[in-house]
Amino acid sequence: MDETVSTLPNAVVGSTPGMLRLINSRAILDELFRGDGSHTVSELSRTVGLSRPTVEAALGDLVEEGWVTEAEAIATPNKAGRRAKRFRADAAAGSVLGVDLGLHGIVGLRSDLRGNQLARVEEVYTDLASAEQAWESVQDVVRRLVDGTDPSKLLAATFGVPAVVDRSGEIDYTVAVPQWVERRVPGRIGDLFPDSATFFDNDAKLAATAESMWGRFRGVRDGLSLVMGRQIGAAFIVDGSLARGARGAAGETGGLAETGWPGAPARLEARIPSGSDVESVMAAAGHGDAEAVAVVRALAEDVAPGVVQLIATIDPEVVVVGGEVLPAADAFCAALTEVVTPQLRHPVEIVPSTVGRDAVARGALARSLTHVRTSHMGLG
């Protein structure tokens, strides 16, 4: 009797022996990628609920495809005889990139197919609004990330950008870096990866994605993610899912004068003491320096009107703050809470991101890994 365990979307049911074998192999591949360990045929048979012959056939297919490899057998004390073969998912079968391409810097990550970080490159700039500067910088970061690797094993790359990205992955518009679109920077970036899938997504939405997978949004049904600093953005988690909107513009309130957001970055920079910069002021505020804390509090007061409007719109369980303010996030969150709470019917917790400064890049990694799972591995 044919056995079928489906992990494909919408519970796809196969009707031919070949389709049944494919569905069963995907179930086993999904199980192997759930953990880091190796498994015997018997263990997989029990876990997935398939017969030994079915599991053995599926493993043979997966080894041939390159997603699974035979692992070293584990010694069993006091047991004689041949050791059972063990199998594990081969996370080194490919790699993916996640890049935070911001107005003032780039953070690039490369990981294996489990999301384990293999390389990290960070560059900080005064201003990357120039299309040519951005293009040169991206090329440099990508070269360093993939240096010494097999190009054929790079399966996907995702770039977080300060722009509205629609559902098809096209940049709809950007106020922060219009030159990038005018000078075809996204298309040129795509040309860097002729054999890999390349994606673009909004930076705040990718930060929220990372927060959902690894941070404060785990288990949260409704949340508001804020990116604060010289770049300001927001993203929503609504009913457990990232909200994009009809044209990818959900949360894009930064251009509305009523929010206080359009002029907040310039006012922030104007408050930075001569001879200092935003990074050092945020670090100083994180260590309790009174003048630096005053700068952070002023930023919180500037952006508070927009934050109140967003909180009132989605009624989040928690507000998570990331971006350039992260080193001073405790001071910023306290100041923001103090300003917005009197204007709310129900207080809401405002907390620092636990994913850290790599949140956008890690969210981009997650987007790349999702593509590999669905398009390369055939997993749901």
Foldseek 3Di string as FASTA:
>chain_A
DQDADAQFPPRDDDDDPVVRLLRVLLLLLVVQLVDFDKAFLVRSCVVRVHDSVSSVSSVVVCVVLPQKDWDDFDDDPPDDDDGTIIMHTDQQQAKEKFWEQEQFWIWIFIDTLSLHTDDIDIDGHPGDLAQVSSLVVVVVRVCVRCPPHDLLRHAEYEYAYQAQAFPVQHGPDHPRRRNNVVVVVVVVVVVVNPNYYYGYAHLQLLLVLLCCVPHDVPVWQWEKEWADELRTWIWIRHRNHTDQPNGRCVGVCQVPVQQLRVCLNVVLQVLDDPPDGLLVLLLVLLVPDPSSLVSLLVSLVSRLRNVLVVCVVRVTQEYEYHHSNQSNFVSNQVSNQVPNVVVDPDRHYYYYIPVHPCSSRSSRSVVGSVCCCCPVSVGD
